mmCIF file of all heavy atoms, coordinates in Angstrom:
data_MODEL
# 
_entry.id   MODEL 
# 
loop_
_atom_site.group_PDB 
_atom_site.id 
_atom_site.type_symbol 
_atom_site.label_atom_id 
_atom_site.label_alt_id 
_atom_site.label_comp_id 
_atom_site.label_asym_id 
_atom_site.label_entity_id 
_atom_site.label_seq_id 
_atom_site.pdbx_PDB_ins_code 
_atom_site.Cartn_x 
_atom_site.Cartn_y 
_atom_site.Cartn_z 
_atom_site.occupancy 
_atom_site.B_iso_or_equiv 
_atom_site.pdbx_formal_charge 
_atom_site.auth_seq_id 
_atom_site.auth_comp_id 
_atom_site.auth_asym_id 
_atom_site.auth_atom_id 
_atom_site.pdbx_PDB_model_num 
ATOM 1   N N   . SER A 1 1  ? 0.814  -1.198 0.037  1.00 0.00 ? 1  SER A N   1 
ATOM 2   C CA  . SER A 1 1  ? 0.055  -0.019 -0.046 1.00 0.00 ? 1  SER A CA  1 
ATOM 3   C C   . SER A 1 1  ? 0.902  1.214  0.041  1.00 0.00 ? 1  SER A C   1 
ATOM 4   O O   . SER A 1 1  ? 2.031  1.253  0.383  1.00 0.00 ? 1  SER A O   1 
ATOM 5   C CB  . SER A 1 1  ? -0.883 0.045  1.239  1.00 0.00 ? 1  SER A CB  1 
ATOM 6   O OG  . SER A 1 1  ? -1.650 -1.075 1.274  1.00 0.00 ? 1  SER A OG  1 
ATOM 7   N N   . SER A 1 2  ? 0.266  2.296  -0.489 1.00 0.00 ? 2  SER A N   1 
ATOM 8   C CA  . SER A 1 2  ? 0.920  3.599  -0.444 1.00 0.00 ? 2  SER A CA  1 
ATOM 9   C C   . SER A 1 2  ? 1.045  4.114  0.931  1.00 0.00 ? 2  SER A C   1 
ATOM 10  O O   . SER A 1 2  ? 0.021  4.125  1.680  1.00 0.00 ? 2  SER A O   1 
ATOM 11  C CB  . SER A 1 2  ? 0.280  4.539  -1.374 1.00 0.00 ? 2  SER A CB  1 
ATOM 12  O OG  . SER A 1 2  ? 0.880  5.842  -1.287 1.00 0.00 ? 2  SER A OG  1 
ATOM 13  N N   . TYR A 1 3  ? 2.142  4.598  1.390  1.00 0.00 ? 3  TYR A N   1 
ATOM 14  C CA  . TYR A 1 3  ? 2.405  5.252  2.633  1.00 0.00 ? 3  TYR A CA  1 
ATOM 15  C C   . TYR A 1 3  ? 2.878  6.604  2.530  1.00 0.00 ? 3  TYR A C   1 
ATOM 16  O O   . TYR A 1 3  ? 3.517  6.975  1.557  1.00 0.00 ? 3  TYR A O   1 
ATOM 17  C CB  . TYR A 1 3  ? 3.364  4.447  3.474  1.00 0.00 ? 3  TYR A CB  1 
ATOM 18  C CG  . TYR A 1 3  ? 2.837  3.149  4.041  1.00 0.00 ? 3  TYR A CG  1 
ATOM 19  C CD1 . TYR A 1 3  ? 2.810  2.049  3.310  1.00 0.00 ? 3  TYR A CD1 1 
ATOM 20  C CD2 . TYR A 1 3  ? 2.409  3.101  5.377  1.00 0.00 ? 3  TYR A CD2 1 
ATOM 21  C CE1 . TYR A 1 3  ? 2.379  0.869  3.846  1.00 0.00 ? 3  TYR A CE1 1 
ATOM 22  C CE2 . TYR A 1 3  ? 1.951  1.899  5.914  1.00 0.00 ? 3  TYR A CE2 1 
ATOM 23  C CZ  . TYR A 1 3  ? 1.943  0.768  5.111  1.00 0.00 ? 3  TYR A CZ  1 
ATOM 24  O OH  . TYR A 1 3  ? 1.433  -0.362 5.642  1.00 0.00 ? 3  TYR A OH  1 
ATOM 25  N N   . THR A 1 4  ? 2.535  7.458  3.499  1.00 0.00 ? 4  THR A N   1 
ATOM 26  C CA  . THR A 1 4  ? 3.171  8.782  3.738  1.00 0.00 ? 4  THR A CA  1 
ATOM 27  C C   . THR A 1 4  ? 4.055  8.618  4.872  1.00 0.00 ? 4  THR A C   1 
ATOM 28  O O   . THR A 1 4  ? 3.632  8.155  5.974  1.00 0.00 ? 4  THR A O   1 
ATOM 29  C CB  . THR A 1 4  ? 2.141  9.889  3.900  1.00 0.00 ? 4  THR A CB  1 
ATOM 30  O OG1 . THR A 1 4  ? 1.401  10.070 2.666  1.00 0.00 ? 4  THR A OG1 1 
ATOM 31  C CG2 . THR A 1 4  ? 2.842  11.198 4.121  1.00 0.00 ? 4  THR A CG2 1 
ATOM 32  N N   . MET A 1 5  ? 5.323  9.045  4.712  1.00 0.00 ? 5  MET A N   1 
ATOM 33  C CA  . MET A 1 5  ? 6.315  9.063  5.790  1.00 0.00 ? 5  MET A CA  1 
ATOM 34  C C   . MET A 1 5  ? 6.571  10.439 6.257  1.00 0.00 ? 5  MET A C   1 
ATOM 35  O O   . MET A 1 5  ? 6.831  11.322 5.368  1.00 0.00 ? 5  MET A O   1 
ATOM 36  C CB  . MET A 1 5  ? 7.653  8.402  5.340  1.00 0.00 ? 5  MET A CB  1 
ATOM 37  C CG  . MET A 1 5  ? 7.349  7.016  4.800  1.00 0.00 ? 5  MET A CG  1 
ATOM 38  S SD  . MET A 1 5  ? 6.812  5.764  5.945  1.00 0.00 ? 5  MET A SD  1 
ATOM 39  C CE  . MET A 1 5  ? 8.275  5.783  7.068  1.00 0.00 ? 5  MET A CE  1 
ATOM 40  N N   . GLY A 1 6  ? 6.467  10.719 7.502  1.00 0.00 ? 6  GLY A N   1 
ATOM 41  C CA  . GLY A 1 6  ? 6.736  12.055 7.993  1.00 0.00 ? 6  GLY A CA  1 
ATOM 42  C C   . GLY A 1 6  ? 7.914  12.072 8.910  1.00 0.00 ? 6  GLY A C   1 
ATOM 43  O O   . GLY A 1 6  ? 8.251  11.081 9.617  1.00 0.00 ? 6  GLY A O   1 
ATOM 44  N N   . TRP A 1 7  ? 8.603  13.139 8.951  1.00 0.00 ? 7  TRP A N   1 
ATOM 45  C CA  . TRP A 1 7  ? 9.649  13.452 9.929  1.00 0.00 ? 7  TRP A CA  1 
ATOM 46  C C   . TRP A 1 7  ? 9.138  14.561 10.845 1.00 0.00 ? 7  TRP A C   1 
ATOM 47  O O   . TRP A 1 7  ? 8.683  15.634 10.334 1.00 0.00 ? 7  TRP A O   1 
ATOM 48  C CB  . TRP A 1 7  ? 11.003 13.812 9.304  1.00 0.00 ? 7  TRP A CB  1 
ATOM 49  C CG  . TRP A 1 7  ? 11.775 12.755 8.724  1.00 0.00 ? 7  TRP A CG  1 
ATOM 50  C CD1 . TRP A 1 7  ? 11.821 12.332 7.393  1.00 0.00 ? 7  TRP A CD1 1 
ATOM 51  C CD2 . TRP A 1 7  ? 12.693 11.859 9.384  1.00 0.00 ? 7  TRP A CD2 1 
ATOM 52  N NE1 . TRP A 1 7  ? 12.692 11.338 7.318  1.00 0.00 ? 7  TRP A NE1 1 
ATOM 53  C CE2 . TRP A 1 7  ? 13.219 10.878 8.529  1.00 0.00 ? 7  TRP A CE2 1 
ATOM 54  C CE3 . TRP A 1 7  ? 13.049 11.729 10.819 1.00 0.00 ? 7  TRP A CE3 1 
ATOM 55  C CZ2 . TRP A 1 7  ? 14.086 9.968  8.852  1.00 0.00 ? 7  TRP A CZ2 1 
ATOM 56  C CZ3 . TRP A 1 7  ? 13.905 10.710 11.150 1.00 0.00 ? 7  TRP A CZ3 1 
ATOM 57  C CH2 . TRP A 1 7  ? 14.455 9.868  10.202 1.00 0.00 ? 7  TRP A CH2 1 
ATOM 58  N N   . PHE A 1 8  ? 9.202  14.383 12.081 1.00 0.00 ? 8  PHE A N   1 
ATOM 59  C CA  . PHE A 1 8  ? 8.815  15.349 13.131 1.00 0.00 ? 8  PHE A CA  1 
ATOM 60  C C   . PHE A 1 8  ? 10.030 15.636 14.081 1.00 0.00 ? 8  PHE A C   1 
ATOM 61  O O   . PHE A 1 8  ? 10.939 14.730 14.175 1.00 0.00 ? 8  PHE A O   1 
ATOM 62  C CB  . PHE A 1 8  ? 7.609  14.900 13.914 1.00 0.00 ? 8  PHE A CB  1 
ATOM 63  C CG  . PHE A 1 8  ? 6.322  14.873 13.058 1.00 0.00 ? 8  PHE A CG  1 
ATOM 64  C CD1 . PHE A 1 8  ? 6.054  13.765 12.208 1.00 0.00 ? 8  PHE A CD1 1 
ATOM 65  C CD2 . PHE A 1 8  ? 5.458  15.899 13.162 1.00 0.00 ? 8  PHE A CD2 1 
ATOM 66  C CE1 . PHE A 1 8  ? 4.891  13.792 11.458 1.00 0.00 ? 8  PHE A CE1 1 
ATOM 67  C CE2 . PHE A 1 8  ? 4.283  15.862 12.392 1.00 0.00 ? 8  PHE A CE2 1 
ATOM 68  C CZ  . PHE A 1 8  ? 3.972  14.791 11.568 1.00 0.00 ? 8  PHE A CZ  1 
ATOM 69  N N   . ARG A 1 9  ? 9.902  16.624 14.801 1.00 0.00 ? 9  ARG A N   1 
ATOM 70  C CA  . ARG A 1 9  ? 10.931 16.850 15.891 1.00 0.00 ? 9  ARG A CA  1 
ATOM 71  C C   . ARG A 1 9  ? 10.245 17.558 17.124 1.00 0.00 ? 9  ARG A C   1 
ATOM 72  O O   . ARG A 1 9  ? 9.209  18.176 16.915 1.00 0.00 ? 9  ARG A O   1 
ATOM 73  C CB  . ARG A 1 9  ? 12.076 17.716 15.348 1.00 0.00 ? 9  ARG A CB  1 
ATOM 74  C CG  . ARG A 1 9  ? 11.702 19.143 15.003 1.00 0.00 ? 9  ARG A CG  1 
ATOM 75  C CD  . ARG A 1 9  ? 12.907 19.898 14.407 1.00 0.00 ? 9  ARG A CD  1 
ATOM 76  N NE  . ARG A 1 9  ? 12.559 21.334 14.041 1.00 0.00 ? 9  ARG A NE  1 
ATOM 77  C CZ  . ARG A 1 9  ? 13.397 22.111 13.336 1.00 0.00 ? 9  ARG A CZ  1 
ATOM 78  N NH1 . ARG A 1 9  ? 14.581 21.711 13.015 1.00 0.00 ? 9  ARG A NH1 1 
ATOM 79  N NH2 . ARG A 1 9  ? 13.039 23.369 13.113 1.00 0.00 ? 9  ARG A NH2 1 
ATOM 80  N N   . GLN A 1 10 ? 10.845 17.310 18.181 1.00 0.00 ? 10 GLN A N   1 
ATOM 81  C CA  . GLN A 1 10 ? 10.308 17.885 19.428 1.00 0.00 ? 10 GLN A CA  1 
ATOM 82  C C   . GLN A 1 10 ? 11.454 18.299 20.360 1.00 0.00 ? 10 GLN A C   1 
ATOM 83  O O   . GLN A 1 10 ? 12.224 17.494 20.715 1.00 0.00 ? 10 GLN A O   1 
ATOM 84  C CB  . GLN A 1 10 ? 9.422  16.855 20.130 1.00 0.00 ? 10 GLN A CB  1 
ATOM 85  C CG  . GLN A 1 10 ? 8.599  17.458 21.314 1.00 0.00 ? 10 GLN A CG  1 
ATOM 86  C CD  . GLN A 1 10 ? 7.480  16.538 21.715 1.00 0.00 ? 10 GLN A CD  1 
ATOM 87  O OE1 . GLN A 1 10 ? 7.392  15.361 21.489 1.00 0.00 ? 10 GLN A OE1 1 
ATOM 88  N NE2 . GLN A 1 10 ? 6.451  17.135 22.356 1.00 0.00 ? 10 GLN A NE2 1 
ATOM 89  N N   . ALA A 1 11 ? 11.425 19.589 20.651 1.00 0.00 ? 11 ALA A N   1 
ATOM 90  C CA  . ALA A 1 11 ? 12.426 20.079 21.558 1.00 0.00 ? 11 ALA A CA  1 
ATOM 91  C C   . ALA A 1 11 ? 11.766 20.254 22.994 1.00 0.00 ? 11 ALA A C   1 
ATOM 92  O O   . ALA A 1 11 ? 10.485 20.187 23.111 1.00 0.00 ? 11 ALA A O   1 
ATOM 93  C CB  . ALA A 1 11 ? 12.853 21.534 21.124 1.00 0.00 ? 11 ALA A CB  1 
ATOM 94  N N   . PRO A 1 12 ? 12.586 20.214 24.045 1.00 0.00 ? 12 PRO A N   1 
ATOM 95  C CA  . PRO A 1 12 ? 12.035 20.278 25.345 1.00 0.00 ? 12 PRO A CA  1 
ATOM 96  C C   . PRO A 1 12 ? 11.124 21.477 25.550 1.00 0.00 ? 12 PRO A C   1 
ATOM 97  O O   . PRO A 1 12 ? 11.387 22.552 25.198 1.00 0.00 ? 12 PRO A O   1 
ATOM 98  C CB  . PRO A 1 12 ? 13.256 20.404 26.211 1.00 0.00 ? 12 PRO A CB  1 
ATOM 99  C CG  . PRO A 1 12 ? 14.370 19.815 25.466 1.00 0.00 ? 12 PRO A CG  1 
ATOM 100 C CD  . PRO A 1 12 ? 14.047 20.214 23.981 1.00 0.00 ? 12 PRO A CD  1 
ATOM 101 N N   . GLY A 1 13 ? 9.853  21.102 26.089 1.00 0.00 ? 13 GLY A N   1 
ATOM 102 C CA  . GLY A 1 13 ? 8.877  22.116 26.328 1.00 0.00 ? 13 GLY A CA  1 
ATOM 103 C C   . GLY A 1 13 ? 8.122  22.619 25.189 1.00 0.00 ? 13 GLY A C   1 
ATOM 104 O O   . GLY A 1 13 ? 7.291  23.559 25.236 1.00 0.00 ? 13 GLY A O   1 
ATOM 105 N N   . LYS A 1 14 ? 8.351  22.061 24.071 1.00 0.00 ? 14 LYS A N   1 
ATOM 106 C CA  . LYS A 1 14 ? 7.710  22.493 22.777 1.00 0.00 ? 14 LYS A CA  1 
ATOM 107 C C   . LYS A 1 14 ? 6.805  21.356 22.199 1.00 0.00 ? 14 LYS A C   1 
ATOM 108 O O   . LYS A 1 14 ? 7.040  20.188 22.508 1.00 0.00 ? 14 LYS A O   1 
ATOM 109 C CB  . LYS A 1 14 ? 8.650  22.901 21.744 1.00 0.00 ? 14 LYS A CB  1 
ATOM 110 C CG  . LYS A 1 14 ? 9.436  24.177 22.237 1.00 0.00 ? 14 LYS A CG  1 
ATOM 111 C CD  . LYS A 1 14 ? 10.322 24.780 21.013 1.00 0.00 ? 14 LYS A CD  1 
ATOM 112 C CE  . LYS A 1 14 ? 10.948 26.077 21.443 1.00 0.00 ? 14 LYS A CE  1 
ATOM 113 N NZ  . LYS A 1 14 ? 11.731 26.662 20.327 1.00 0.00 ? 14 LYS A NZ  1 
ATOM 114 N N   . GLU A 1 15 ? 5.946  21.736 21.366 1.00 0.00 ? 15 GLU A N   1 
ATOM 115 C CA  . GLU A 1 15 ? 5.041  20.751 20.681 1.00 0.00 ? 15 GLU A CA  1 
ATOM 116 C C   . GLU A 1 15 ? 5.866  20.100 19.598 1.00 0.00 ? 15 GLU A C   1 
ATOM 117 O O   . GLU A 1 15 ? 6.871  20.530 19.010 1.00 0.00 ? 15 GLU A O   1 
ATOM 118 C CB  . GLU A 1 15 ? 3.849  21.476 20.099 1.00 0.00 ? 15 GLU A CB  1 
ATOM 119 C CG  . GLU A 1 15 ? 2.862  21.971 21.146 1.00 0.00 ? 15 GLU A CG  1 
ATOM 120 C CD  . GLU A 1 15 ? 1.601  22.534 20.574 1.00 0.00 ? 15 GLU A CD  1 
ATOM 121 O OE1 . GLU A 1 15 ? 1.501  22.618 19.325 1.00 0.00 ? 15 GLU A OE1 1 
ATOM 122 O OE2 . GLU A 1 15 ? 0.726  22.838 21.327 1.00 0.00 ? 15 GLU A OE2 1 
ATOM 123 N N   . ARG A 1 16 ? 5.359  18.874 19.214 1.00 0.00 ? 16 ARG A N   1 
ATOM 124 C CA  . ARG A 1 16 ? 6.008  18.156 18.108 1.00 0.00 ? 16 ARG A CA  1 
ATOM 125 C C   . ARG A 1 16 ? 5.753  18.951 16.780 1.00 0.00 ? 16 ARG A C   1 
ATOM 126 O O   . ARG A 1 16 ? 4.613  19.240 16.445 1.00 0.00 ? 16 ARG A O   1 
ATOM 127 C CB  . ARG A 1 16 ? 5.424  16.725 18.065 1.00 0.00 ? 16 ARG A CB  1 
ATOM 128 C CG  . ARG A 1 16 ? 6.196  15.820 17.163 1.00 0.00 ? 16 ARG A CG  1 
ATOM 129 C CD  . ARG A 1 16 ? 5.895  14.360 17.462 1.00 0.00 ? 16 ARG A CD  1 
ATOM 130 N NE  . ARG A 1 16 ? 6.310  13.985 18.830 1.00 0.00 ? 16 ARG A NE  1 
ATOM 131 C CZ  . ARG A 1 16 ? 6.402  12.701 19.307 1.00 0.00 ? 16 ARG A CZ  1 
ATOM 132 N NH1 . ARG A 1 16 ? 5.982  11.720 18.514 1.00 0.00 ? 16 ARG A NH1 1 
ATOM 133 N NH2 . ARG A 1 16 ? 6.795  12.451 20.543 1.00 0.00 ? 16 ARG A NH2 1 
ATOM 134 N N   . GLU A 1 17 ? 6.801  19.165 16.087 1.00 0.00 ? 17 GLU A N   1 
ATOM 135 C CA  . GLU A 1 17 ? 6.846  19.999 14.877 1.00 0.00 ? 17 GLU A CA  1 
ATOM 136 C C   . GLU A 1 17 ? 7.035  19.143 13.677 1.00 0.00 ? 17 GLU A C   1 
ATOM 137 O O   . GLU A 1 17 ? 7.920  18.339 13.603 1.00 0.00 ? 17 GLU A O   1 
ATOM 138 C CB  . GLU A 1 17 ? 7.902  21.104 15.000 1.00 0.00 ? 17 GLU A CB  1 
ATOM 139 C CG  . GLU A 1 17 ? 7.943  21.968 13.794 1.00 0.00 ? 17 GLU A CG  1 
ATOM 140 C CD  . GLU A 1 17 ? 9.253  22.828 13.850 1.00 0.00 ? 17 GLU A CD  1 
ATOM 141 O OE1 . GLU A 1 17 ? 10.151 22.590 14.717 1.00 0.00 ? 17 GLU A OE1 1 
ATOM 142 O OE2 . GLU A 1 17 ? 9.349  23.702 12.995 1.00 0.00 ? 17 GLU A OE2 1 
ATOM 143 N N   . PHE A 1 18 ? 6.200  19.497 12.635 1.00 0.00 ? 18 PHE A N   1 
ATOM 144 C CA  . PHE A 1 18 ? 6.460  18.775 11.322 1.00 0.00 ? 18 PHE A CA  1 
ATOM 145 C C   . PHE A 1 18 ? 7.664  19.278 10.644 1.00 0.00 ? 18 PHE A C   1 
ATOM 146 O O   . PHE A 1 18 ? 7.856  20.531 10.472 1.00 0.00 ? 18 PHE A O   1 
ATOM 147 C CB  . PHE A 1 18 ? 5.196  18.996 10.409 1.00 0.00 ? 18 PHE A CB  1 
ATOM 148 C CG  . PHE A 1 18 ? 5.322  18.494 9.041  1.00 0.00 ? 18 PHE A CG  1 
ATOM 149 C CD1 . PHE A 1 18 ? 5.186  17.081 8.785  1.00 0.00 ? 18 PHE A CD1 1 
ATOM 150 C CD2 . PHE A 1 18 ? 5.604  19.328 7.947  1.00 0.00 ? 18 PHE A CD2 1 
ATOM 151 C CE1 . PHE A 1 18 ? 5.204  16.644 7.511  1.00 0.00 ? 18 PHE A CE1 1 
ATOM 152 C CE2 . PHE A 1 18 ? 5.715  18.820 6.708  1.00 0.00 ? 18 PHE A CE2 1 
ATOM 153 C CZ  . PHE A 1 18 ? 5.461  17.454 6.499  1.00 0.00 ? 18 PHE A CZ  1 
ATOM 154 N N   . VAL A 1 19 ? 8.563  18.390 10.243 1.00 0.00 ? 19 VAL A N   1 
ATOM 155 C CA  . VAL A 1 19 ? 9.822  18.764 9.541  1.00 0.00 ? 19 VAL A CA  1 
ATOM 156 C C   . VAL A 1 19 ? 9.614  18.621 8.053  1.00 0.00 ? 19 VAL A C   1 
ATOM 157 O O   . VAL A 1 19 ? 9.900  19.491 7.269  1.00 0.00 ? 19 VAL A O   1 
ATOM 158 C CB  . VAL A 1 19 ? 10.984 17.883 10.017 1.00 0.00 ? 19 VAL A CB  1 
ATOM 159 C CG1 . VAL A 1 19 ? 12.217 18.151 9.232  1.00 0.00 ? 19 VAL A CG1 1 
ATOM 160 C CG2 . VAL A 1 19 ? 11.229 18.144 11.498 1.00 0.00 ? 19 VAL A CG2 1 
ATOM 161 N N   . GLY A 1 20 ? 9.076  17.467 7.682  1.00 0.00 ? 20 GLY A N   1 
ATOM 162 C CA  . GLY A 1 20 ? 8.848  17.252 6.254  1.00 0.00 ? 20 GLY A CA  1 
ATOM 163 C C   . GLY A 1 20 ? 8.311  15.810 6.052  1.00 0.00 ? 20 GLY A C   1 
ATOM 164 O O   . GLY A 1 20 ? 8.248  15.012 7.018  1.00 0.00 ? 20 GLY A O   1 
ATOM 165 N N   . GLY A 1 21 ? 7.972  15.452 4.862  1.00 0.00 ? 21 GLY A N   1 
ATOM 166 C CA  . GLY A 1 21 ? 7.435  14.183 4.569  1.00 0.00 ? 21 GLY A CA  1 
ATOM 167 C C   . GLY A 1 21 ? 7.661  13.782 3.117  1.00 0.00 ? 21 GLY A C   1 
ATOM 168 O O   . GLY A 1 21 ? 8.090  14.496 2.280  1.00 0.00 ? 21 GLY A O   1 
ATOM 169 N N   . ILE A 1 22 ? 7.439  12.469 2.903  1.00 0.00 ? 22 ILE A N   1 
ATOM 170 C CA  . ILE A 1 22 ? 7.599  11.935 1.516  1.00 0.00 ? 22 ILE A CA  1 
ATOM 171 C C   . ILE A 1 22 ? 6.555  10.807 1.314  1.00 0.00 ? 22 ILE A C   1 
ATOM 172 O O   . ILE A 1 22 ? 6.214  10.092 2.236  1.00 0.00 ? 22 ILE A O   1 
ATOM 173 C CB  . ILE A 1 22 ? 8.951  11.345 1.302  1.00 0.00 ? 22 ILE A CB  1 
ATOM 174 C CG1 . ILE A 1 22 ? 9.295  10.959 -0.083 1.00 0.00 ? 22 ILE A CG1 1 
ATOM 175 C CG2 . ILE A 1 22 ? 9.373  10.152 2.313  1.00 0.00 ? 22 ILE A CG2 1 
ATOM 176 C CD1 . ILE A 1 22 ? 10.769 10.678 -0.393 1.00 0.00 ? 22 ILE A CD1 1 
ATOM 177 N N   . THR A 1 23 ? 5.974  10.772 0.084  1.00 0.00 ? 23 THR A N   1 
ATOM 178 C CA  . THR A 1 23 ? 5.120  9.630  -0.187 1.00 0.00 ? 23 THR A CA  1 
ATOM 179 C C   . THR A 1 23 ? 5.958  8.483  -0.766 1.00 0.00 ? 23 THR A C   1 
ATOM 180 O O   . THR A 1 23 ? 6.838  8.671  -1.579 1.00 0.00 ? 23 THR A O   1 
ATOM 181 C CB  . THR A 1 23 ? 4.068  10.075 -1.256 1.00 0.00 ? 23 THR A CB  1 
ATOM 182 O OG1 . THR A 1 23 ? 4.729  10.486 -2.425 1.00 0.00 ? 23 THR A OG1 1 
ATOM 183 C CG2 . THR A 1 23 ? 3.170  11.222 -0.732 1.00 0.00 ? 23 THR A CG2 1 
ATOM 184 N N   . TRP A 1 24 ? 5.688  7.321  -0.192 1.00 0.00 ? 24 TRP A N   1 
ATOM 185 C CA  . TRP A 1 24 ? 6.634  6.237  -0.484 1.00 0.00 ? 24 TRP A CA  1 
ATOM 186 C C   . TRP A 1 24 ? 6.617  5.813  -1.903 1.00 0.00 ? 24 TRP A C   1 
ATOM 187 O O   . TRP A 1 24 ? 7.703  5.568  -2.532 1.00 0.00 ? 24 TRP A O   1 
ATOM 188 C CB  . TRP A 1 24 ? 6.317  4.988  0.420  1.00 0.00 ? 24 TRP A CB  1 
ATOM 189 C CG  . TRP A 1 24 ? 7.513  4.076  0.560  1.00 0.00 ? 24 TRP A CG  1 
ATOM 190 C CD1 . TRP A 1 24 ? 8.079  3.370  -0.495 1.00 0.00 ? 24 TRP A CD1 1 
ATOM 191 C CD2 . TRP A 1 24 ? 8.276  3.896  1.721  1.00 0.00 ? 24 TRP A CD2 1 
ATOM 192 N NE1 . TRP A 1 24 ? 9.210  2.766  -0.009 1.00 0.00 ? 24 TRP A NE1 1 
ATOM 193 C CE2 . TRP A 1 24 ? 9.385  3.045  1.282  1.00 0.00 ? 24 TRP A CE2 1 
ATOM 194 C CE3 . TRP A 1 24 ? 8.192  4.362  2.965  1.00 0.00 ? 24 TRP A CE3 1 
ATOM 195 C CZ2 . TRP A 1 24 ? 10.359 2.641  2.175  1.00 0.00 ? 24 TRP A CZ2 1 
ATOM 196 C CZ3 . TRP A 1 24 ? 9.195  3.964  3.875  1.00 0.00 ? 24 TRP A CZ3 1 
ATOM 197 C CH2 . TRP A 1 24 ? 10.211 3.066  3.511  1.00 0.00 ? 24 TRP A CH2 1 
ATOM 198 N N   . ASN A 1 25 ? 5.501  5.623  -2.483 1.00 0.00 ? 25 ASN A N   1 
ATOM 199 C CA  . ASN A 1 25 ? 5.412  5.183  -3.881 1.00 0.00 ? 25 ASN A CA  1 
ATOM 200 C C   . ASN A 1 25 ? 5.822  6.237  -4.876 1.00 0.00 ? 25 ASN A C   1 
ATOM 201 O O   . ASN A 1 25 ? 6.578  5.903  -5.798 1.00 0.00 ? 25 ASN A O   1 
ATOM 202 C CB  . ASN A 1 25 ? 3.994  4.699  -4.199 1.00 0.00 ? 25 ASN A CB  1 
ATOM 203 C CG  . ASN A 1 25 ? 3.614  3.405  -3.558 1.00 0.00 ? 25 ASN A CG  1 
ATOM 204 O OD1 . ASN A 1 25 ? 4.512  2.779  -2.811 1.00 0.00 ? 25 ASN A OD1 1 
ATOM 205 N ND2 . ASN A 1 25 ? 2.412  2.963  -3.659 1.00 0.00 ? 25 ASN A ND2 1 
ATOM 206 N N   . GLU A 1 26 ? 5.372  7.445  -4.689 1.00 0.00 ? 26 GLU A N   1 
ATOM 207 C CA  . GLU A 1 26 ? 5.610  8.496  -5.725 1.00 0.00 ? 26 GLU A CA  1 
ATOM 208 C C   . GLU A 1 26 ? 6.882  9.265  -5.427 1.00 0.00 ? 26 GLU A C   1 
ATOM 209 O O   . GLU A 1 26 ? 7.482  9.886  -6.390 1.00 0.00 ? 26 GLU A O   1 
ATOM 210 C CB  . GLU A 1 26 ? 4.423  9.468  -5.751 1.00 0.00 ? 26 GLU A CB  1 
ATOM 211 C CG  . GLU A 1 26 ? 3.131  8.910  -6.161 1.00 0.00 ? 26 GLU A CG  1 
ATOM 212 C CD  . GLU A 1 26 ? 2.427  8.215  -4.883 1.00 0.00 ? 26 GLU A CD  1 
ATOM 213 O OE1 . GLU A 1 26 ? 2.978  8.418  -3.714 1.00 0.00 ? 26 GLU A OE1 1 
ATOM 214 O OE2 . GLU A 1 26 ? 1.281  7.724  -5.019 1.00 0.00 ? 26 GLU A OE2 1 
ATOM 215 N N   . GLY A 1 27 ? 7.333  9.303  -4.185 1.00 0.00 ? 27 GLY A N   1 
ATOM 216 C CA  . GLY A 1 27 ? 8.503  10.134 -3.880 1.00 0.00 ? 27 GLY A CA  1 
ATOM 217 C C   . GLY A 1 27 ? 8.321  11.577 -3.759 1.00 0.00 ? 27 GLY A C   1 
ATOM 218 O O   . GLY A 1 27 ? 9.234  12.391 -3.770 1.00 0.00 ? 27 GLY A O   1 
ATOM 219 N N   . ASN A 1 28 ? 6.998  11.941 -3.705 1.00 0.00 ? 28 ASN A N   1 
ATOM 220 C CA  . ASN A 1 28 ? 6.663  13.455 -3.493 1.00 0.00 ? 28 ASN A CA  1 
ATOM 221 C C   . ASN A 1 28 ? 7.130  13.900 -2.129 1.00 0.00 ? 28 ASN A C   1 
ATOM 222 O O   . ASN A 1 28 ? 6.874  13.198 -1.161 1.00 0.00 ? 28 ASN A O   1 
ATOM 223 C CB  . ASN A 1 28 ? 5.248  13.692 -3.771 1.00 0.00 ? 28 ASN A CB  1 
ATOM 224 C CG  . ASN A 1 28 ? 4.817  13.333 -5.180 1.00 0.00 ? 28 ASN A CG  1 
ATOM 225 O OD1 . ASN A 1 28 ? 5.596  13.470 -6.096 1.00 0.00 ? 28 ASN A OD1 1 
ATOM 226 N ND2 . ASN A 1 28 ? 3.557  12.898 -5.306 1.00 0.00 ? 28 ASN A ND2 1 
# 
């Protein structure tokens, strides 16, 4: 199945932040 992969980061005392993502099949 097609998946979306995301990278997130979280610094102390902060919310989890979206860094970036890629669609596994298409590579977008």
